[in-house]
């Protein structure tokens, strides 16, 4: 993100939406000139925006954020308003049981369709801990064999530079092919080539600390397990316009967004 980054923060006014506040503060501290816009999404009367007005107003005043209220279907309002912004930051859950389901569906569609990166603060984040600073010492970058994965790495590297984080690169590898010795040799050669490729890319990141992890596991469980293992503060995943069979598909990203114990940033 640039020094004058524009960040859109959709909210339904619920207590769960307060989960984004610690992350907004961290971004504001790392990028003092960032501009925030709080987009209050309502269906029906504007009076349906309820509690926690004071907390949002405190953030507005402290960070010179602008607040916009829009009626209509939230997904349409968010996607339309996001044009010209550098990032969208939003909670994955909303008000009540039905609201949590509906807002979760909105979040999924925004992450899938938005033309800018989307940071999703998951349901495991505690809204009562809105004053607790996030831990960004470790950022997990989920990679695949696609060329777009390099762009994901470099976007994550810019964040790591801002926050002084270590990047932990995770890529799934296929289990060994046995007992075909020729196939096993070829597979090992492919793996060594992949390792060498990412080591070369990491060498271009300057002083940013990196770690490589290649795991024989299913995509979503492997990412989630590694995130828990390293106590990741953020998972970065790249969205694909086209999804070959080996890419990080929308379904995998959705699974990680739903189950991760930390926020997930979906890049383009």
C-alpha atoms as a PDB file:
ATOM      1  CA  UNK A   1       0.000   0.000   0.000  1.00  0.00           C
ATOM      2  CA  UNK A   2       1.115   3.537  -0.692  1.00  0.00           C
ATOM      3  CA  UNK A   3       1.553   6.241   1.940  1.00  0.00           C
ATOM      4  CA  UNK A   4      -1.791   7.797   0.967  1.00  0.00           C
ATOM      5  CA  UNK A   5      -3.646   4.468   0.768  1.00  0.00           C
ATOM      6  CA  UNK A   6      -7.441   4.588   0.721  1.00  0.00           C
ATOM      7  CA  UNK A   7      -9.084   1.899   2.831  1.00  0.00           C
ATOM      8  CA  UNK A   8     -12.782   1.048   2.799  1.00  0.00           C
ATOM      9  CA  UNK A   9     -14.286  -0.456   5.961  1.00  0.00           C
ATOM     10  CA  UNK A  10     -17.804  -1.886   5.438  1.00  0.00           C
ATOM     11  CA  UNK A  11     -19.793  -2.548   8.604  1.00  0.00           C
ATOM     12  CA  UNK A  12     -23.326  -3.587   9.477  1.00  0.00           C
ATOM     13  CA  UNK A  13     -23.153  -1.770  12.813  1.00  0.00           C
ATOM     14  CA  UNK A  14     -23.026  -4.968  14.868  1.00  0.00           C
ATOM     15  CA  UNK A  15     -20.746  -5.737  17.791  1.00  0.00           C
ATOM     16  CA  UNK A  16     -18.947  -8.352  15.707  1.00  0.00           C
ATOM     17  CA  UNK A  17     -17.924  -5.693  13.212  1.00  0.00           C
ATOM     18  CA  UNK A  18     -15.743  -4.143  15.934  1.00  0.00           C
ATOM     19  CA  UNK A  19     -13.228  -6.942  15.301  1.00  0.00           C
ATOM     20  CA  UNK A  20     -11.735  -4.791  12.561  1.00  0.00           C
ATOM     21  CA  UNK A  21     -10.813  -1.896  14.875  1.00  0.00           C
ATOM     22  CA  UNK A  22      -7.428  -3.234  16.114  1.00  0.00           C
ATOM     23  CA  UNK A  23      -6.377  -3.832  12.521  1.00  0.00           C
ATOM     24  CA  UNK A  24      -7.412  -0.370  11.444  1.00  0.00           C
ATOM     25  CA  UNK A  25      -5.312   1.084  14.242  1.00  0.00           C
ATOM     26  CA  UNK A  26      -2.296  -1.021  13.213  1.00  0.00           C
ATOM     27  CA  UNK A  27      -2.660   0.103   9.602  1.00  0.00           C
ATOM     28  CA  UNK A  28      -3.066   3.724  10.676  1.00  0.00           C
ATOM     29  CA  UNK A  29       0.108   3.555  12.766  1.00  0.00           C
ATOM     30  CA  UNK A  30       2.130   1.921   9.975  1.00  0.00           C
ATOM     31  CA  UNK A  31       0.720   4.234   7.295  1.00  0.00           C
ATOM     32  CA  UNK A  32       0.003   7.560   9.049  1.00  0.00           C
ATOM     33  CA  UNK A  33      -1.336   9.211   5.892  1.00  0.00           C
ATOM     34  CA  UNK A  34      -3.803   6.412   5.088  1.00  0.00           C
ATOM     35  CA  UNK A  35      -7.399   7.517   4.531  1.00  0.00           C
ATOM     36  CA  UNK A  36     -10.250   5.433   5.937  1.00  0.00           C
ATOM     37  CA  UNK A  37     -13.889   5.421   4.964  1.00  0.00           C
ATOM     38  CA  UNK A  38     -16.395   3.647   7.200  1.00  0.00           C
ATOM     39  CA  UNK A  39     -19.206   2.337   4.976  1.00  0.00           C
ATOM     40  CA  UNK A  40     -22.293   1.579   7.047  1.00  0.00           C
ATOM     41  CA  UNK A  41     -24.364  -0.907   5.080  1.00  0.00           C
ATOM     42  CA  UNK A  42     -28.056  -1.087   5.940  1.00  0.00           C
ATOM     43  CA  UNK A  43     -31.093  -2.689   4.368  1.00  0.00           C
ATOM     44  CA  UNK A  44     -34.167  -0.628   5.138  1.00  0.00           C
ATOM     45  CA  UNK A  45     -34.200   2.264   7.579  1.00  0.00           C
ATOM     46  CA  UNK A  46     -30.950   3.936   8.576  1.00  0.00           C
ATOM     47  CA  UNK A  47     -32.246   3.593  12.136  1.00  0.00           C
ATOM     48  CA  UNK A  48     -31.250  -0.087  11.978  1.00  0.00           C
ATOM     49  CA  UNK A  49     -27.648   0.959  12.595  1.00  0.00           C
ATOM     50  CA  UNK A  50     -27.510   0.547  16.306  1.00  0.00           C
ATOM     51  CA  UNK A  51     -24.992  -0.005  19.080  1.00  0.00           C
ATOM     52  CA  UNK A  52     -21.352   0.938  19.346  1.00  0.00           C
ATOM     53  CA  UNK A  53     -21.827   4.271  17.591  1.00  0.00           C
ATOM     54  CA  UNK A  54     -19.470   5.925  20.053  1.00  0.00           C
ATOM     55  CA  UNK A  55     -16.615   3.500  19.375  1.00  0.00           C
ATOM     56  CA  UNK A  56     -16.776   4.092  15.642  1.00  0.00           C
ATOM     57  CA  UNK A  57     -17.060   7.824  16.190  1.00  0.00           C
ATOM     58  CA  UNK A  58     -13.934   7.720  18.364  1.00  0.00           C
ATOM     59  CA  UNK A  59     -12.071   6.051  15.522  1.00  0.00           C
ATOM     60  CA  UNK A  60     -13.481   8.555  13.035  1.00  0.00           C
ATOM     61  CA  UNK A  61     -12.220  11.441  15.135  1.00  0.00           C
ATOM     62  CA  UNK A  62      -8.817   9.909  15.897  1.00  0.00           C
ATOM     63  CA  UNK A  63      -8.028   8.883  12.322  1.00  0.00           C
ATOM     64  CA  UNK A  64      -9.985  11.538  10.411  1.00  0.00           C
ATOM     65  CA  UNK A  65     -12.059   8.777   8.843  1.00  0.00           C
ATOM     66  CA  UNK A  66     -15.082   9.578   6.731  1.00  0.00           C
ATOM     67  CA  UNK A  67     -18.371   7.812   7.371  1.00  0.00           C
ATOM     68  CA  UNK A  68     -20.850   7.002   4.610  1.00  0.00           C
ATOM     69  CA  UNK A  69     -24.266   5.397   5.098  1.00  0.00           C
ATOM     70  CA  UNK A  70     -25.781   3.492   2.177  1.00  0.00           C
ATOM     71  CA  UNK A  71     -29.018   1.567   1.909  1.00  0.00           C
ATOM     72  CA  UNK A  72     -29.748  -1.367  -0.365  1.00  0.00           C
ATOM     73  CA  UNK A  73     -28.110  -4.745  -0.783  1.00  0.00           C
ATOM     74  CA  UNK A  74     -24.724  -4.632   1.036  1.00  0.00           C
ATOM     75  CA  UNK A  75     -22.830  -6.644  -1.585  1.00  0.00           C
ATOM     76  CA  UNK A  76     -23.763  -4.165  -4.307  1.00  0.00           C
ATOM     77  CA  UNK A  77     -22.994  -1.137  -2.146  1.00  0.00           C
ATOM     78  CA  UNK A  78     -19.564  -2.479  -1.125  1.00  0.00           C
ATOM     79  CA  UNK A  79     -18.464  -3.522  -4.598  1.00  0.00           C
ATOM     80  CA  UNK A  80     -19.646  -0.256  -6.109  1.00  0.00           C
ATOM     81  CA  UNK A  81     -18.035   1.913  -3.432  1.00  0.00           C
ATOM     82  CA  UNK A  82     -14.726   0.000  -3.454  1.00  0.00           C
ATOM     83  CA  UNK A  83     -13.683   1.440  -6.827  1.00  0.00           C
ATOM     84  CA  UNK A  84     -10.706   3.739  -6.313  1.00  0.00           C
ATOM     85  CA  UNK A  85      -9.753   2.257  -2.936  1.00  0.00           C
ATOM     86  CA  UNK A  86      -6.552   0.317  -2.223  1.00  0.00           C
ATOM     87  CA  UNK A  87      -8.007  -2.207   0.229  1.00  0.00           C
ATOM     88  CA  UNK A  88     -11.245  -3.347   1.842  1.00  0.00           C
ATOM     89  CA  UNK A  89     -11.168  -4.408   5.511  1.00  0.00           C
ATOM     90  CA  UNK A  90     -14.272  -6.121   6.899  1.00  0.00           C
ATOM     91  CA  UNK A  91     -15.503  -8.615   9.472  1.00  0.00           C
ATOM     92  CA  UNK A  92     -16.737 -12.002   8.308  1.00  0.00           C
ATOM     93  CA  UNK A  93     -19.705 -12.134  10.672  1.00  0.00           C
ATOM     94  CA  UNK A  94     -22.590  -9.770  11.334  1.00  0.00           C
ATOM     95  CA  UNK A  95     -25.471  -9.335  13.779  1.00  0.00           C
ATOM     96  CA  UNK A  96     -27.449 -12.296  15.135  1.00  0.00           C
ATOM     97  CA  UNK A  97     -27.578 -15.865  13.869  1.00  0.00           C
ATOM     98  CA  UNK A  98     -29.190 -14.971  10.546  1.00  0.00           C
ATOM     99  CA  UNK A  99     -27.044 -11.847  10.236  1.00  0.00           C
ATOM    100  CA  UNK A 100     -23.881 -13.854  10.759  1.00  0.00           C
ATOM    101  CA  UNK A 101     -24.877 -16.134   7.909  1.00  0.00           C
ATOM    102  CA  UNK A 102     -25.928 -13.301   5.602  1.00  0.00           C
ATOM    103  CA  UNK A 103     -22.931 -11.069   6.334  1.00  0.00           C
ATOM    104  CA  UNK A 104     -20.620 -14.060   5.931  1.00  0.00           C
ATOM    105  CA  UNK A 105     -22.069 -14.571   2.463  1.00  0.00           C
ATOM    106  CA  UNK A 106     -21.503 -10.903   1.685  1.00  0.00           C
ATOM    107  CA  UNK A 107     -17.894 -11.145   2.836  1.00  0.00           C
ATOM    108  CA  UNK A 108     -17.290 -14.210   0.679  1.00  0.00           C
ATOM    109  CA  UNK A 109     -18.651 -12.486  -2.412  1.00  0.00           C
ATOM    110  CA  UNK A 110     -16.650  -9.327  -1.751  1.00  0.00           C
ATOM    111  CA  UNK A 111     -13.450 -11.355  -1.415  1.00  0.00           C
ATOM    112  CA  UNK A 112     -14.282 -13.220  -4.628  1.00  0.00           C
ATOM    113  CA  UNK A 113     -15.432 -10.286  -6.771  1.00  0.00           C
ATOM    114  CA  UNK A 114     -13.826  -7.117  -5.441  1.00  0.00           C
ATOM    115  CA  UNK A 115     -11.229  -5.460  -7.690  1.00  0.00           C
ATOM    116  CA  UNK A 116      -8.950  -4.558  -4.765  1.00  0.00           C
ATOM    117  CA  UNK A 117      -7.395  -6.702  -1.996  1.00  0.00           C
ATOM    118  CA  UNK A 118      -9.786  -7.665   0.802  1.00  0.00           C
ATOM    119  CA  UNK A 119      -8.782  -8.324   4.415  1.00  0.00           C
ATOM    120  CA  UNK A 120     -11.323 -10.516   6.209  1.00  0.00           C
ATOM    121  CA  UNK A 121     -11.350 -10.530  10.011  1.00  0.00           C
ATOM    122  CA  UNK A 122     -12.746 -13.948  10.922  1.00  0.00           C
ATOM    123  CA  UNK A 123     -15.384 -14.996  13.383  1.00  0.00           C
ATOM    124  CA  UNK A 124     -12.766 -16.373  15.795  1.00  0.00           C
ATOM    125  CA  UNK A 125     -11.619 -12.818  16.556  1.00  0.00           C
ATOM    126  CA  UNK A 126     -13.075 -11.546  19.831  1.00  0.00           C
ATOM    127  CA  UNK A 127     -15.086  -8.305  19.475  1.00  0.00           C
ATOM    128  CA  UNK A 128     -14.654  -7.708  23.217  1.00  0.00           C
ATOM    129  CA  UNK A 129     -10.888  -7.491  22.638  1.00  0.00           C
ATOM    130  CA  UNK A 130     -11.170  -4.552  20.249  1.00  0.00           C
ATOM    131  CA  UNK A 131      -8.456  -2.717  22.175  1.00  0.00           C
ATOM    132  CA  UNK A 132      -5.935  -5.576  21.931  1.00  0.00           C
ATOM    133  CA  UNK A 133      -3.216  -4.951  19.323  1.00  0.00           C
ATOM    134  CA  UNK A 134      -2.845  -7.668  16.662  1.00  0.00           C
ATOM    135  CA  UNK A 135       0.369  -9.667  16.482  1.00  0.00           C
ATOM    136  CA  UNK A 136       1.907  -9.362  13.040  1.00  0.00           C
ATOM    137  CA  UNK A 137       5.266 -10.938  13.772  1.00  0.00           C
ATOM    138  CA  UNK A 138       4.507 -13.814  11.391  1.00  0.00           C
ATOM    139  CA  UNK A 139       2.650 -13.620   8.076  1.00  0.00           C
ATOM    140  CA  UNK A 140       1.788 -16.851   6.274  1.00  0.00           C
ATOM    141  CA  UNK A 141       1.812 -16.638   2.477  1.00  0.00           C
ATOM    142  CA  UNK A 142      -0.084 -19.493   0.815  1.00  0.00           C
ATOM    143  CA  UNK A 143       1.519 -20.343  -2.530  1.00  0.00           C
ATOM    144  CA  UNK A 144       0.739 -22.650  -5.430  1.00  0.00           C
ATOM    145  CA  UNK A 145       2.378 -23.361  -8.772  1.00  0.00           C
ATOM    146  CA  UNK A 146       0.747 -20.438 -10.565  1.00  0.00           C
ATOM    147  CA  UNK A 147       2.668 -17.449 -11.951  1.00  0.00           C
ATOM    148  CA  UNK A 148       0.329 -15.157  -9.984  1.00  0.00           C
ATOM    149  CA  UNK A 149       1.746 -16.540  -6.738  1.00  0.00           C
ATOM    150  CA  UNK A 150       4.802 -14.340  -7.199  1.00  0.00           C
ATOM    151  CA  UNK A 151       2.602 -11.251  -7.129  1.00  0.00           C
ATOM    152  CA  UNK A 152       1.027 -12.525  -3.910  1.00  0.00           C
ATOM    153  CA  UNK A 153       4.485 -12.925  -2.387  1.00  0.00           C
ATOM    154  CA  UNK A 154       5.563  -9.413  -3.310  1.00  0.00           C
ATOM    155  CA  UNK A 155       2.348  -7.900  -1.943  1.00  0.00           C
ATOM    156  CA  UNK A 156       2.900  -9.785   1.309  1.00  0.00           C
ATOM    157  CA  UNK A 157       6.508  -8.582   1.339  1.00  0.00           C
ATOM    158  CA  UNK A 158       5.370  -4.961   1.269  1.00  0.00           C
ATOM    159  CA  UNK A 159       3.242  -5.627   4.341  1.00  0.00           C
ATOM    160  CA  UNK A 160       6.116  -7.418   6.076  1.00  0.00           C
ATOM    161  CA  UNK A 161       8.354  -4.437   5.415  1.00  0.00           C
ATOM    162  CA  UNK A 162       5.792  -2.078   6.940  1.00  0.00           C
ATOM    163  CA  UNK A 163       5.188  -4.187  10.033  1.00  0.00           C
ATOM    164  CA  UNK A 164       8.585  -5.831  10.544  1.00  0.00           C
ATOM    165  CA  UNK A 165       7.099  -9.291  10.011  1.00  0.00           C
ATOM    166  CA  UNK A 166       8.667 -12.605   9.054  1.00  0.00           C
ATOM    167  CA  UNK A 167       7.133 -14.195   5.961  1.00  0.00           C
ATOM    168  CA  UNK A 168       6.375 -17.911   6.212  1.00  0.00           C
ATOM    169  CA  UNK A 169       5.837 -19.323   2.728  1.00  0.00           C
ATOM    170  CA  UNK A 170       3.637 -22.411   2.558  1.00  0.00           C
ATOM    171  CA  UNK A 171       3.211 -24.647  -0.476  1.00  0.00           C
ATOM    172  CA  UNK A 172       1.538 -28.014  -0.727  1.00  0.00           C
ATOM    173  CA  UNK A 173       3.502 -30.804  -2.375  1.00  0.00           C
ATOM    174  CA  UNK A 174       2.170 -34.128  -3.620  1.00  0.00           C
ATOM    175  CA  UNK A 175       2.894 -37.294  -1.625  1.00  0.00           C
ATOM    176  CA  UNK A 176       5.691 -39.505  -3.026  1.00  0.00           C
ATOM    177  CA  UNK A 177       4.769 -41.725  -5.948  1.00  0.00           C
ATOM    178  CA  UNK A 178       5.637 -45.325  -5.079  1.00  0.00           C
ATOM    179  CA  UNK A 179       6.824 -47.817  -6.143  1.00  0.00           C
ATOM    180  CA  UNK A 180       7.588 -46.202  -9.542  1.00  0.00           C
ATOM    181  CA  UNK A 181      11.235 -45.193  -9.092  1.00  0.00           C
ATOM    182  CA  UNK A 182      11.340 -43.111 -12.274  1.00  0.00           C
ATOM    183  CA  UNK A 183       8.273 -41.100 -11.270  1.00  0.00           C
ATOM    184  CA  UNK A 184       9.704 -40.598  -7.786  1.00  0.00           C
ATOM    185  CA  UNK A 185      12.973 -39.249  -9.194  1.00  0.00           C
ATOM    186  CA  UNK A 186      11.086 -36.871 -11.491  1.00  0.00           C
ATOM    187  CA  UNK A 187       8.878 -35.739  -8.629  1.00  0.00           C
ATOM    188  CA  UNK A 188      11.878 -35.034  -6.412  1.00  0.00           C
ATOM    189  CA  UNK A 189      13.497 -33.055  -9.223  1.00  0.00           C
ATOM    190  CA  UNK A 190      10.327 -30.992  -9.594  1.00  0.00           C
ATOM    191  CA  UNK A 191      10.244 -30.334  -5.859  1.00  0.00           C
ATOM    192  CA  UNK A 192      13.897 -29.227  -5.824  1.00  0.00           C
ATOM    193  CA  UNK A 193      13.143 -26.884  -8.724  1.00  0.00           C
ATOM    194  CA  UNK A 194      10.198 -25.365  -6.839  1.00  0.00           C
ATOM    195  CA  UNK A 195      12.311 -24.907  -3.694  1.00  0.00           C
ATOM    196  CA  UNK A 196      15.078 -23.258  -5.727  1.00  0.00           C
ATOM    197  CA  UNK A 197      12.542 -20.987  -7.431  1.00  0.00           C
ATOM    198  CA  UNK A 198      11.105 -19.641  -4.193  1.00  0.00           C
ATOM    199  CA  UNK A 199      14.537 -19.272  -2.625  1.00  0.00           C
ATOM    200  CA  UNK A 200      15.541 -17.076  -5.561  1.00  0.00           C
ATOM    201  CA  UNK A 201      12.404 -14.998  -5.135  1.00  0.00           C
ATOM    202  CA  UNK A 202      13.000 -14.642  -1.400  1.00  0.00           C
ATOM    203  CA  UNK A 203      16.554 -13.455  -2.116  1.00  0.00           C
ATOM    204  CA  UNK A 204      15.077 -10.464  -3.987  1.00  0.00           C
ATOM    205  CA  UNK A 205      13.149  -9.274  -0.918  1.00  0.00           C
ATOM    206  CA  UNK A 206      16.135  -7.629   0.719  1.00  0.00           C
ATOM    207  CA  UNK A 207      16.185  -7.677   4.497  1.00  0.00           C
ATOM    208  CA  UNK A 208      12.738  -9.235   4.923  1.00  0.00           C
ATOM    209  CA  UNK A 209      13.008 -12.479   6.877  1.00  0.00           C
ATOM    210  CA  UNK A 210      11.525 -15.529   5.157  1.00  0.00           C
ATOM    211  CA  UNK A 211      10.869 -19.169   5.978  1.00  0.00           C
ATOM    212  CA  UNK A 212       9.881 -21.909   3.522  1.00  0.00           C
ATOM    213  CA  UNK A 213       7.532 -24.781   4.310  1.00  0.00           C
ATOM    214  CA  UNK A 214       6.539 -27.540   1.874  1.00  0.00           C
ATOM    215  CA  UNK A 215       3.882 -29.859   3.281  1.00  0.00           C
ATOM    216  CA  UNK A 216       2.243 -33.065   2.065  1.00  0.00           C
ATOM    217  CA  UNK A 217      -1.312 -32.254   3.034  1.00  0.00           C
ATOM    218  CA  UNK A 218      -4.656 -31.213   1.639  1.00  0.00           C
ATOM    219  CA  UNK A 219      -4.765 -27.548   0.687  1.00  0.00           C
ATOM    220  CA  UNK A 220      -7.083 -25.956   3.252  1.00  0.00           C
ATOM    221  CA  UNK A 221      -6.168 -28.151   6.244  1.00  0.00           C
ATOM    222  CA  UNK A 222      -2.478 -27.741   5.470  1.00  0.00           C
ATOM    223  CA  UNK A 223      -2.706 -23.958   5.428  1.00  0.00           C
ATOM    224  CA  UNK A 224      -4.807 -23.854   8.589  1.00  0.00           C
ATOM    225  CA  UNK A 225      -2.532 -26.272  10.467  1.00  0.00           C
ATOM    226  CA  UNK A 226       0.596 -24.352   9.511  1.00  0.00           C
ATOM    227  CA  UNK A 227      -1.023 -21.046  10.483  1.00  0.00           C
ATOM    228  CA  UNK A 228      -1.759 -22.468  13.941  1.00  0.00           C
ATOM    229  CA  UNK A 229       1.708 -24.015  14.188  1.00  0.00           C
ATOM    230  CA  UNK A 230       3.509 -20.706  13.650  1.00  0.00           C
ATOM    231  CA  UNK A 231       0.831 -18.579  15.399  1.00  0.00           C
ATOM    232  CA  UNK A 232       0.378 -16.555  12.231  1.00  0.00           C
ATOM    233  CA  UNK A 233      -1.024 -13.063  12.643  1.00  0.00           C
ATOM    234  CA  UNK A 234      -2.207 -12.917   9.035  1.00  0.00           C
ATOM    235  CA  UNK A 235      -2.691 -15.323   6.121  1.00  0.00           C
ATOM    236  CA  UNK A 236      -2.181 -13.913   2.610  1.00  0.00           C
ATOM    237  CA  UNK A 237      -3.749 -15.763  -0.318  1.00  0.00           C
ATOM    238  CA  UNK A 238      -3.907 -14.798  -3.984  1.00  0.00           C
ATOM    239  CA  UNK A 239      -7.179 -14.942  -5.874  1.00  0.00           C
ATOM    240  CA  UNK A 240      -7.056 -16.359  -9.390  1.00  0.00           C
ATOM    241  CA  UNK A 241      -9.049 -15.038 -12.327  1.00  0.00           C
ATOM    242  CA  UNK A 242      -8.806 -18.516 -13.842  1.00  0.00           C
ATOM    243  CA  UNK A 243      -8.431 -21.586 -11.703  1.00  0.00           C
ATOM    244  CA  UNK A 244      -6.346 -24.468 -13.075  1.00  0.00           C
ATOM    245  CA  UNK A 245      -6.615 -27.643 -11.038  1.00  0.00           C
ATOM    246  CA  UNK A 246      -3.454 -26.875  -9.046  1.00  0.00           C
ATOM    247  CA  UNK A 247      -4.329 -23.298  -8.107  1.00  0.00           C
ATOM    248  CA  UNK A 248      -5.650 -21.974  -4.808  1.00  0.00           C
ATOM    249  CA  UNK A 249      -9.321 -22.088  -5.802  1.00  0.00           C
ATOM    250  CA  UNK A 250     -12.107 -19.894  -4.482  1.00  0.00           C
ATOM    251  CA  UNK A 251     -13.349 -22.861  -2.419  1.00  0.00           C
ATOM    252  CA  UNK A 252      -9.992 -23.235  -0.676  1.00  0.00           C
ATOM    253  CA  UNK A 253      -9.813 -19.507   0.064  1.00  0.00           C
ATOM    254  CA  UNK A 254     -13.364 -19.600   1.423  1.00  0.00           C
ATOM    255  CA  UNK A 255     -12.525 -22.536   3.697  1.00  0.00           C
ATOM    256  CA  UNK A 256      -9.478 -20.739   5.090  1.00  0.00           C
ATOM    257  CA  UNK A 257     -11.429 -17.497   5.571  1.00  0.00           C
ATOM    258  CA  UNK A 258     -14.114 -19.373   7.488  1.00  0.00           C
ATOM    259  CA  UNK A 259     -11.810 -21.396   9.759  1.00  0.00           C
ATOM    260  CA  UNK A 260      -8.603 -19.390  10.262  1.00  0.00           C
ATOM    261  CA  UNK A 261      -7.859 -18.086  13.742  1.00  0.00           C
ATOM    262  CA  UNK A 262      -6.342 -14.952  12.240  1.00  0.00           C
ATOM    263  CA  UNK A 263      -7.387 -12.521   9.492  1.00  0.00           C
ATOM    264  CA  UNK A 264      -7.011 -13.506   5.841  1.00  0.00           C
ATOM    265  CA  UNK A 265      -5.915 -11.059   3.150  1.00  0.00           C
ATOM    266  CA  UNK A 266      -7.119 -12.008  -0.335  1.00  0.00           C
ATOM    267  CA  UNK A 267      -4.989 -10.321  -2.995  1.00  0.00           C
ATOM    268  CA  UNK A 268      -5.423 -10.083  -6.753  1.00  0.00           C
END
